Amino acid sequence: MEGERPVEGPALFELDENGKRTAVAGVPPDYFSADGQRWGSPTYRWDRIAQQNFRWWIDRFRMMPAVGDSPLFIGALKDLVLRAAEVPHEQSATA
C-alpha cells in the first residue's frame, strides 16, 4: 500500500464501507503535467481530524524525532500543508 496506512485510524481516511480507498492524493492537470499526478497516498477526512482537534497529527509529529524518519516527516508535512487534491482511486497511475 502506498503512502499512509489507513489501518492507523481508518475513520480519518477517505475509505468505503469495505475499507478500500475511494480517492488518493494527487494534483490536477496543470502547466507542468497535462495528465496531472497521482501520488497514491490516501486522502484524509479533514472534518473528522478537526473534530479531534488534530490529535492524530499532533501525536504523529511528536513521535517523529524518536523514529528519526525524515521521509515520513516530509511526506506528512506535504500532506498537511498542501492538502493535495483527491484523484479517484481507480484513475490511471499518471493522472
N, C-alpha and C. Protein backbone atom coordinates (compact mmCIF):
# COMPACT_ATOMS: atom_id res chain seq x y z
N MET A 1 0.84 -1.18 0.00
CA MET A 1 0.00 0.00 0.00
C MET A 1 0.88 1.24 0.00
N GLU A 2 0.56 2.17 -0.84
CA GLU A 2 1.38 3.37 -0.95
C GLU A 2 1.03 4.36 0.16
N GLY A 3 2.02 5.16 0.52
CA GLY A 3 1.77 6.27 1.43
C GLY A 3 1.31 5.82 2.81
N GLU A 4 0.47 6.61 3.39
CA GLU A 4 -0.07 6.38 4.72
C GLU A 4 -0.84 5.09 4.80
N ARG A 5 -0.83 4.47 5.96
CA ARG A 5 -1.57 3.23 6.15
C ARG A 5 -2.89 3.52 6.84
N PRO A 6 -4.01 3.39 6.14
CA PRO A 6 -5.30 3.69 6.75
C PRO A 6 -5.67 2.84 7.95
N VAL A 7 -4.91 1.77 8.23
CA VAL A 7 -5.19 0.98 9.44
C VAL A 7 -4.88 1.79 10.69
N GLU A 8 -4.11 2.84 10.54
CA GLU A 8 -3.77 3.71 11.67
C GLU A 8 -4.81 4.82 11.76
N GLY A 9 -5.99 4.49 12.24
CA GLY A 9 -7.06 5.47 12.34
C GLY A 9 -7.91 5.51 11.09
N PRO A 10 -8.49 4.38 10.68
CA PRO A 10 -9.22 4.33 9.40
C PRO A 10 -10.34 5.35 9.28
N ALA A 11 -10.95 5.76 10.36
CA ALA A 11 -12.04 6.75 10.28
C ALA A 11 -11.54 8.10 9.81
N LEU A 12 -10.23 8.30 9.83
CA LEU A 12 -9.65 9.58 9.44
C LEU A 12 -9.27 9.63 7.97
N PHE A 13 -9.55 8.58 7.23
CA PHE A 13 -9.21 8.50 5.82
C PHE A 13 -10.46 8.32 4.96
N GLU A 14 -10.38 8.70 3.70
CA GLU A 14 -11.48 8.53 2.75
C GLU A 14 -11.50 7.07 2.30
N LEU A 15 -12.35 6.26 2.95
CA LEU A 15 -12.47 4.84 2.65
C LEU A 15 -13.94 4.49 2.46
N ASP A 16 -14.20 3.44 1.68
CA ASP A 16 -15.57 2.99 1.54
C ASP A 16 -15.93 2.05 2.70
N GLU A 17 -17.13 1.49 2.67
CA GLU A 17 -17.60 0.64 3.76
C GLU A 17 -16.77 -0.64 3.92
N ASN A 18 -15.99 -1.00 2.90
CA ASN A 18 -15.14 -2.19 2.97
C ASN A 18 -13.69 -1.86 3.32
N GLY A 19 -13.43 -0.60 3.64
CA GLY A 19 -12.08 -0.19 3.99
C GLY A 19 -11.19 0.07 2.79
N LYS A 20 -11.76 0.13 1.60
CA LYS A 20 -10.99 0.40 0.38
C LYS A 20 -10.95 1.90 0.13
N ARG A 21 -9.85 2.38 -0.41
CA ARG A 21 -9.73 3.79 -0.72
C ARG A 21 -10.73 4.23 -1.78
N THR A 22 -11.32 5.39 -1.58
CA THR A 22 -12.21 5.95 -2.58
C THR A 22 -11.47 7.00 -3.41
N ALA A 23 -10.38 7.51 -2.87
CA ALA A 23 -9.59 8.52 -3.56
C ALA A 23 -8.16 8.43 -3.05
N VAL A 24 -7.24 8.98 -3.83
CA VAL A 24 -5.84 9.08 -3.41
C VAL A 24 -5.39 10.52 -3.67
N ALA A 25 -4.28 10.88 -3.06
CA ALA A 25 -3.75 12.24 -3.24
C ALA A 25 -3.13 12.39 -4.62
N GLY A 26 -3.18 13.58 -5.13
CA GLY A 26 -2.59 13.90 -6.41
C GLY A 26 -2.83 15.36 -6.73
N VAL A 27 -2.55 15.74 -7.92
CA VAL A 27 -2.83 17.11 -8.36
C VAL A 27 -3.46 17.05 -9.75
N PRO A 28 -4.34 18.00 -10.03
CA PRO A 28 -4.98 18.01 -11.35
C PRO A 28 -4.00 18.43 -12.43
N PRO A 29 -4.38 18.26 -13.68
CA PRO A 29 -3.51 18.72 -14.78
C PRO A 29 -3.18 20.21 -14.62
N ASP A 30 -1.97 20.55 -15.01
CA ASP A 30 -1.54 21.95 -14.95
C ASP A 30 -0.47 22.20 -16.01
N TYR A 31 0.21 23.31 -15.91
CA TYR A 31 1.23 23.70 -16.87
C TYR A 31 2.37 22.68 -16.95
N PHE A 32 2.68 22.04 -15.82
CA PHE A 32 3.82 21.12 -15.76
C PHE A 32 3.47 19.69 -16.19
N SER A 33 2.20 19.33 -16.07
CA SER A 33 1.80 17.97 -16.42
C SER A 33 0.37 17.97 -16.95
N ALA A 34 0.23 17.68 -18.22
CA ALA A 34 -1.09 17.68 -18.86
C ALA A 34 -2.00 16.60 -18.28
N ASP A 35 -1.41 15.56 -17.72
CA ASP A 35 -2.20 14.47 -17.13
C ASP A 35 -2.43 14.63 -15.64
N GLY A 36 -1.78 15.60 -15.02
CA GLY A 36 -1.83 15.70 -13.57
C GLY A 36 -0.90 14.66 -12.95
N GLN A 37 -1.01 14.48 -11.64
CA GLN A 37 -0.19 13.49 -10.95
C GLN A 37 -1.04 12.70 -9.98
N ARG A 38 -0.76 11.42 -9.89
CA ARG A 38 -1.43 10.53 -8.94
C ARG A 38 -0.37 10.05 -7.98
N TRP A 39 -0.39 10.60 -6.76
CA TRP A 39 0.66 10.27 -5.79
C TRP A 39 0.41 8.93 -5.11
N GLY A 40 -0.83 8.53 -4.97
CA GLY A 40 -1.14 7.24 -4.38
C GLY A 40 -1.38 7.25 -2.89
N SER A 41 -1.08 8.34 -2.20
CA SER A 41 -1.32 8.41 -0.77
C SER A 41 -2.82 8.53 -0.51
N PRO A 42 -3.32 7.89 0.54
CA PRO A 42 -4.74 8.04 0.83
C PRO A 42 -5.06 9.48 1.23
N THR A 43 -6.30 9.87 1.04
CA THR A 43 -6.70 11.22 1.41
C THR A 43 -7.36 11.20 2.78
N TYR A 44 -7.29 12.33 3.45
CA TYR A 44 -7.75 12.44 4.83
C TYR A 44 -9.16 12.97 4.93
N ARG A 45 -9.85 12.61 6.00
CA ARG A 45 -11.15 13.19 6.35
C ARG A 45 -10.86 14.36 7.28
N TRP A 46 -10.57 15.51 6.71
CA TRP A 46 -10.18 16.67 7.50
C TRP A 46 -11.26 17.10 8.46
N ASP A 47 -12.52 16.86 8.12
CA ASP A 47 -13.60 17.21 9.05
C ASP A 47 -13.48 16.41 10.34
N ARG A 48 -13.18 15.12 10.23
CA ARG A 48 -13.03 14.28 11.42
C ARG A 48 -11.74 14.58 12.18
N ILE A 49 -10.68 14.86 11.45
CA ILE A 49 -9.42 15.21 12.11
C ILE A 49 -9.60 16.49 12.91
N ALA A 50 -10.30 17.47 12.34
CA ALA A 50 -10.55 18.74 13.04
C ALA A 50 -11.43 18.51 14.28
N GLN A 51 -12.41 17.62 14.19
CA GLN A 51 -13.28 17.32 15.34
C GLN A 51 -12.47 16.78 16.51
N GLN A 52 -11.36 16.13 16.22
CA GLN A 52 -10.48 15.59 17.27
C GLN A 52 -9.36 16.55 17.62
N ASN A 53 -9.53 17.81 17.23
CA ASN A 53 -8.53 18.85 17.49
C ASN A 53 -7.15 18.48 16.95
N PHE A 54 -7.14 17.79 15.82
CA PHE A 54 -5.91 17.43 15.11
C PHE A 54 -4.99 16.53 15.94
N ARG A 55 -5.58 15.79 16.90
CA ARG A 55 -4.80 14.93 17.79
C ARG A 55 -3.95 13.93 17.02
N TRP A 56 -4.50 13.33 15.94
CA TRP A 56 -3.75 12.34 15.17
C TRP A 56 -2.48 12.96 14.62
N TRP A 57 -2.58 14.18 14.07
CA TRP A 57 -1.40 14.85 13.54
C TRP A 57 -0.44 15.27 14.64
N ILE A 58 -0.96 15.76 15.74
CA ILE A 58 -0.10 16.17 16.85
C ILE A 58 0.70 14.98 17.36
N ASP A 59 0.02 13.86 17.58
CA ASP A 59 0.72 12.65 18.04
C ASP A 59 1.76 12.20 17.03
N ARG A 60 1.43 12.29 15.78
CA ARG A 60 2.35 11.88 14.72
C ARG A 60 3.62 12.74 14.71
N PHE A 61 3.45 14.05 14.80
CA PHE A 61 4.62 14.92 14.82
C PHE A 61 5.46 14.72 16.08
N ARG A 62 4.82 14.42 17.19
CA ARG A 62 5.58 14.18 18.43
C ARG A 62 6.44 12.93 18.34
N MET A 63 5.99 11.90 17.64
CA MET A 63 6.77 10.66 17.57
C MET A 63 7.88 10.72 16.53
N MET A 64 7.83 11.65 15.61
CA MET A 64 8.80 11.66 14.51
C MET A 64 10.25 11.80 14.95
N PRO A 65 10.58 12.66 15.91
CA PRO A 65 12.00 12.73 16.30
C PRO A 65 12.52 11.40 16.85
N ALA A 66 11.69 10.67 17.55
CA ALA A 66 12.11 9.37 18.09
C ALA A 66 12.32 8.36 16.99
N VAL A 67 11.51 8.43 15.96
CA VAL A 67 11.62 7.50 14.85
C VAL A 67 12.80 7.87 13.96
N GLY A 68 13.04 9.16 13.84
CA GLY A 68 14.14 9.63 13.01
C GLY A 68 13.93 9.38 11.53
N ASP A 69 12.70 9.44 11.09
CA ASP A 69 12.37 9.13 9.71
C ASP A 69 12.05 10.42 8.96
N SER A 70 13.06 11.04 8.36
CA SER A 70 12.82 12.31 7.69
C SER A 70 11.90 12.18 6.47
N PRO A 71 11.94 11.08 5.68
CA PRO A 71 10.96 10.98 4.59
C PRO A 71 9.52 10.96 5.11
N LEU A 72 9.29 10.30 6.25
CA LEU A 72 7.96 10.29 6.85
C LEU A 72 7.56 11.71 7.23
N PHE A 73 8.48 12.44 7.81
CA PHE A 73 8.21 13.82 8.22
C PHE A 73 7.89 14.69 7.01
N ILE A 74 8.68 14.58 5.97
CA ILE A 74 8.47 15.38 4.77
C ILE A 74 7.13 15.02 4.13
N GLY A 75 6.81 13.74 4.06
CA GLY A 75 5.54 13.32 3.49
C GLY A 75 4.37 13.83 4.31
N ALA A 76 4.49 13.77 5.63
CA ALA A 76 3.42 14.27 6.49
C ALA A 76 3.24 15.77 6.33
N LEU A 77 4.35 16.48 6.27
CA LEU A 77 4.28 17.93 6.11
C LEU A 77 3.66 18.30 4.77
N LYS A 78 4.05 17.59 3.73
CA LYS A 78 3.47 17.82 2.40
C LYS A 78 1.96 17.63 2.44
N ASP A 79 1.51 16.54 3.05
CA ASP A 79 0.08 16.25 3.11
C ASP A 79 -0.67 17.28 3.95
N LEU A 80 -0.07 17.67 5.06
CA LEU A 80 -0.72 18.61 5.96
C LEU A 80 -0.80 20.01 5.35
N VAL A 81 0.30 20.48 4.81
CA VAL A 81 0.36 21.85 4.31
C VAL A 81 -0.31 21.98 2.95
N LEU A 82 -0.03 21.06 2.05
CA LEU A 82 -0.56 21.19 0.69
C LEU A 82 -2.00 20.75 0.55
N ARG A 83 -2.42 19.83 1.42
CA ARG A 83 -3.76 19.28 1.28
C ARG A 83 -4.05 18.94 -0.17
N ALA A 84 -3.35 17.99 -0.65
CA ALA A 84 -3.41 17.60 -2.06
C ALA A 84 -4.84 17.37 -2.53
N ALA A 85 -5.01 17.48 -3.82
CA ALA A 85 -6.30 17.22 -4.43
C ALA A 85 -6.60 15.73 -4.38
N GLU A 86 -7.88 15.39 -4.45
CA GLU A 86 -8.27 13.99 -4.50
C GLU A 86 -8.39 13.53 -5.94
N VAL A 87 -7.84 12.35 -6.20
CA VAL A 87 -7.92 11.72 -7.50
C VAL A 87 -8.67 10.41 -7.28
N PRO A 88 -9.65 10.07 -8.10
CA PRO A 88 -10.33 8.78 -7.91
C PRO A 88 -9.32 7.64 -7.85
N HIS A 89 -9.50 6.73 -6.92
CA HIS A 89 -8.55 5.65 -6.71
C HIS A 89 -8.33 4.82 -7.96
N GLU A 90 -9.35 4.62 -8.74
CA GLU A 90 -9.24 3.77 -9.93
C GLU A 90 -8.64 4.48 -11.13
N GLN A 91 -8.39 5.77 -11.01
CA GLN A 91 -7.84 6.53 -12.15
C GLN A 91 -6.44 6.04 -12.47
N SER A 92 -6.00 6.26 -13.69
CA SER A 92 -4.71 5.76 -14.15
C SER A 92 -3.57 6.29 -13.29
N ALA A 93 -2.44 5.61 -13.35
CA ALA A 93 -1.30 5.92 -12.50
C ALA A 93 -0.66 7.26 -12.83
N THR A 94 -0.84 7.79 -14.02
CA THR A 94 -0.18 9.05 -14.37
C THR A 94 -1.03 10.26 -14.03
N ALA A 95 -2.30 10.08 -13.86
CA ALA A 95 -3.16 11.24 -13.60
C ALA A 95 -3.79 11.14 -12.24
